[in-house]
C-alpha atoms as a PDB file:
ATOM      1  CA  GLY A   1       6.829   1.201 -18.466  1.00  0.00           C
ATOM      2  CA  GLY A   2       5.381  -0.528 -15.580  1.00  0.00           C
ATOM      3  CA  GLU A   3       8.100   0.236 -13.825  1.00  0.00           C
ATOM      4  CA  PHE A   4       7.603   3.976 -14.600  1.00  0.00           C
ATOM      5  CA  CYS A   5       4.671   4.156 -13.309  1.00  0.00           C
ATOM      6  CA  GLY A   6       4.571   1.893 -10.385  1.00  0.00           C
ATOM      7  CA  ALA A   7       6.968   4.432  -9.149  1.00  0.00           C
ATOM      8  CA  LEU A   8       5.674   7.773 -10.522  1.00  0.00           C
ATOM      9  CA  ALA A   9       2.212   5.890  -8.420  1.00  0.00           C
ATOM     10  CA  TYR A  10       4.550   5.229  -5.270  1.00  0.00           C
ATOM     11  CA  TYR A  11       6.295   8.841  -4.756  1.00  0.00           C
ATOM     12  CA  GLY A  12       2.718  10.573  -5.802  1.00  0.00           C
ATOM     13  CA  VAL A  13       0.667   8.804  -3.578  1.00  0.00           C
ATOM     14  CA  GLY A  14       3.869   9.475  -0.797  1.00  0.00           C
ATOM     15  CA  THR A  15       4.096  13.245  -1.105  1.00  0.00           C
ATOM     16  CA  ASN A  16       0.615  13.718  -1.121  1.00  0.00           C
ATOM     17  CA  LEU A  17       0.144  11.336   1.972  1.00  0.00           C
ATOM     18  CA  VAL A  18       2.324  14.027   4.138  1.00  0.00           C
ATOM     19  CA  SER A  19      -0.261  16.764   3.642  1.00  0.00           C
ATOM     20  CA  TYR A  20      -2.633  14.854   3.467  1.00  0.00           C
ATOM     21  CA  LEU A  21      -2.210  13.600   6.913  1.00  0.00           C
ATOM     22  CA  THR A  22      -0.375  17.128   8.750  1.00  0.00           C
ATOM     23  CA  LYS A  23      -3.646  19.374   7.252  1.00  0.00           C
ATOM     24  CA  MET A  24      -7.055  16.995   6.049  1.00  0.00           C
ATOM     25  CA  GLN A  25      -6.217  14.784   9.414  1.00  0.00           C
ATOM     26  CA  GLN A  26      -4.678  17.109  11.522  1.00  0.00           C
ATOM     27  CA  GLN A  27      -1.518  14.862  12.781  1.00  0.00           C
ATOM     28  CA  SER A  28       1.241  16.056  13.452  1.00  0.00           C
ATOM     29  CA  ASN A  29       4.463  16.235  11.704  1.00  0.00           C
ATOM     30  CA  VAL A  30       6.268  13.593  13.954  1.00  0.00           C
ATOM     31  CA  VAL A  31       3.235  11.212  13.580  1.00  0.00           C
ATOM     32  CA  ALA A  32       2.200  11.520  10.039  1.00  0.00           C
ATOM     33  CA  ALA A  33       5.874  10.809   9.049  1.00  0.00           C
ATOM     34  CA  SER A  34       5.350   7.778  11.569  1.00  0.00           C
ATOM     35  CA  ASN A  35       2.360   6.440   9.211  1.00  0.00           C
ATOM     36  CA  ILE A  36       4.192   7.248   6.417  1.00  0.00           C
ATOM     37  CA  ALA A  37       6.808   4.984   7.165  1.00  0.00           C
ATOM     38  CA  PHE A  38       4.485   2.233   8.300  1.00  0.00           C
ATOM     39  CA  TRP A  39       3.260   2.832   4.365  1.00  0.00           C
ATOM     40  CA  GLN A  40       6.354   2.362   2.724  1.00  0.00           C
ATOM     41  CA  GLY A  41       7.211  -0.597   4.686  1.00  0.00           C
ATOM     42  CA  THR A  42       3.833  -2.433   3.947  1.00  0.00           C
ATOM     43  CA  CYS A  43       4.999  -1.439   0.252  1.00  0.00           C
ATOM     44  CA  TYR A  44       7.947  -2.991   0.590  1.00  0.00           C
ATOM     45  CA  LEU A  45       7.117  -6.206   2.558  1.00  0.00           C
ATOM     46  CA  SER A  46       3.970  -7.311   0.545  1.00  0.00           C
ATOM     47  CA  PRO A  47       5.173  -7.977  -2.631  1.00  0.00           C
ATOM     48  CA  LEU A  48       7.373 -10.048  -0.436  1.00  0.00           C
ATOM     49  CA  LEU A  49       4.708 -12.432   1.477  1.00  0.00           C
ATOM     50  CA  GLY A  50       2.756 -12.354  -1.217  1.00  0.00           C
ATOM     51  CA  ALA A  51       5.785 -13.604  -3.922  1.00  0.00           C
ATOM     52  CA  PHE A  52       6.724 -16.619  -0.677  1.00  0.00           C
ATOM     53  CA  LEU A  53       2.103 -17.608  -0.650  1.00  0.00           C
ATOM     54  CA  ALA A  54       2.433 -17.674  -4.910  1.00  0.00           C
ATOM     55  CA  ASP A  55       5.255 -19.516  -4.562  1.00  0.00           C
ATOM     56  CA  SER A  56       4.386 -22.725  -1.771  1.00  0.00           C
ATOM     57  CA  TYR A  57       0.876 -22.405  -0.785  1.00  0.00           C
ATOM     58  CA  TRP A  58      -1.737 -20.584  -3.509  1.00  0.00           C
ATOM     59  CA  GLY A  59      -0.139 -20.294  -6.858  1.00  0.00           C
ATOM     60  CA  ARG A  60       0.355 -17.362  -8.728  1.00  0.00           C
ATOM     61  CA  HIS A  61      -3.663 -16.534  -9.903  1.00  0.00           C
ATOM     62  CA  ARG A  62      -5.301 -17.632  -6.933  1.00  0.00           C
ATOM     63  CA  THR A  63      -2.704 -15.159  -4.981  1.00  0.00           C
ATOM     64  CA  ILE A  64      -4.075 -12.777  -7.443  1.00  0.00           C
ATOM     65  CA  VAL A  65      -7.567 -13.063  -6.621  1.00  0.00           C
ATOM     66  CA  ILE A  66      -7.191 -12.655  -3.064  1.00  0.00           C
ATOM     67  CA  SER A  67      -4.881  -9.993  -2.753  1.00  0.00           C
ATOM     68  CA  LEU A  68      -6.914  -8.499  -5.644  1.00  0.00           C
ATOM     69  CA  THR A  69     -10.553  -9.469  -2.932  1.00  0.00           C
ATOM     70  CA  THR A  70      -8.399  -8.202   0.149  1.00  0.00           C
ATOM     71  CA  PHE A  71      -7.858  -4.621  -1.156  1.00  0.00           C
ATOM     72  CA  THR A  72     -11.317  -4.265  -2.408  1.00  0.00           C
ATOM     73  CA  VAL A  73     -12.408  -4.882   0.562  1.00  0.00           C
ATOM     74  CA  VAL A  74     -10.030  -2.924   2.735  1.00  0.00           C
ATOM     75  CA  SER A  75     -10.553  -0.571   0.107  1.00  0.00           C
ATOM     76  CA  VAL A  76     -14.491  -0.203   0.484  1.00  0.00           C
ATOM     77  CA  GLY A  77     -14.514  -0.709   4.150  1.00  0.00           C
ATOM     78  CA  ILE A  78     -12.053   1.996   4.416  1.00  0.00           C
ATOM     79  CA  SER A  79     -14.290   4.648   2.678  1.00  0.00           C
ATOM     80  CA  GLN A  80     -17.147   4.643   4.415  1.00  0.00           C
END
Protein backbone atom coordinates (compact mmCIF):
# COMPACT_ATOMS: atom_id res chain seq x y z
CA GLY A 1 0.00 0.00 0.00
CA GLY A 2 2.77 2.44 0.88
CA GLU A 3 4.62 1.77 -2.36
CA PHE A 4 1.45 2.46 -4.35
CA CYS A 5 0.83 5.75 -2.53
CA GLY A 6 4.44 6.84 -3.02
CA ALA A 7 4.33 6.09 -6.75
CA LEU A 8 0.97 7.83 -7.10
CA ALA A 9 2.31 10.94 -5.37
CA TYR A 10 5.52 10.96 -7.44
CA TYR A 11 3.78 10.70 -10.80
CA GLY A 12 0.97 13.03 -9.76
CA VAL A 13 3.40 15.77 -8.75
CA GLY A 14 5.50 15.17 -11.86
CA THR A 15 2.52 15.55 -14.15
CA ASN A 16 1.21 18.67 -12.42
CA LEU A 17 4.69 20.15 -12.30
CA VAL A 18 4.76 20.35 -16.10
CA SER A 19 1.59 22.44 -16.15
CA TYR A 20 2.67 24.58 -13.23
CA LEU A 21 6.09 25.43 -14.65
CA THR A 22 4.87 26.19 -18.16
CA LYS A 23 1.64 28.05 -17.30
CA MET A 24 2.11 29.66 -13.90
CA GLN A 25 5.87 30.23 -13.98
CA GLN A 26 5.91 31.04 -17.72
CA GLN A 27 8.88 28.75 -18.38
CA SER A 28 9.59 27.42 -21.84
CA ASN A 29 9.18 23.71 -22.45
CA VAL A 30 12.96 23.25 -22.53
CA VAL A 31 13.55 24.98 -19.19
CA ALA A 32 10.58 23.20 -17.59
CA ALA A 33 11.85 19.82 -18.83
CA SER A 34 15.29 20.58 -17.39
CA ASN A 35 13.80 21.52 -14.02
CA ILE A 36 11.64 18.40 -13.95
CA ALA A 37 14.64 16.21 -14.79
CA PHE A 38 16.52 17.83 -11.90
CA TRP A 39 13.55 17.18 -9.58
CA GLN A 40 13.36 13.54 -10.69
CA GLY A 41 17.08 13.06 -10.13
CA THR A 42 16.78 14.54 -6.66
CA CYS A 43 13.87 12.19 -5.89
CA TYR A 44 15.95 9.16 -6.87
CA LEU A 45 19.26 10.19 -5.27
CA SER A 46 18.13 11.66 -1.94
CA PRO A 47 17.10 8.26 -0.46
CA LEU A 48 20.57 6.93 -1.27
CA LEU A 49 22.16 9.86 0.53
CA GLY A 50 19.84 9.36 3.51
CA ALA A 51 20.63 5.64 3.66
CA PHE A 52 24.37 6.32 3.55
CA LEU A 53 24.16 8.89 6.34
CA ALA A 54 21.93 6.65 8.45
CA ASP A 55 24.18 3.60 8.07
CA SER A 56 27.49 5.41 8.42
CA TYR A 57 27.03 8.32 10.79
CA TRP A 58 23.71 9.31 12.29
CA GLY A 59 21.58 6.22 12.80
CA ARG A 60 18.01 5.71 11.69
CA HIS A 61 16.13 7.99 14.09
CA ARG A 62 18.51 10.94 13.92
CA THR A 63 18.48 10.74 10.11
CA ILE A 64 14.68 10.88 10.10
CA VAL A 65 14.60 13.88 12.44
CA ILE A 66 17.25 15.80 10.48
CA SER A 67 15.59 14.99 7.14
CA LEU A 68 12.14 16.09 8.33
CA THR A 69 13.57 19.27 9.87
CA THR A 70 15.38 20.11 6.62
CA PHE A 71 12.23 19.39 4.61
CA THR A 72 10.14 21.63 6.87
CA VAL A 73 12.59 24.52 6.81
CA VAL A 74 12.95 24.38 3.03
CA SER A 75 9.18 24.06 2.51
CA VAL A 76 8.44 27.06 4.73
CA GLY A 77 11.20 29.07 3.04
CA ILE A 78 9.87 28.33 -0.44
CA SER A 79 6.26 29.10 0.46
CA GLN A 80 7.07 32.60 1.70
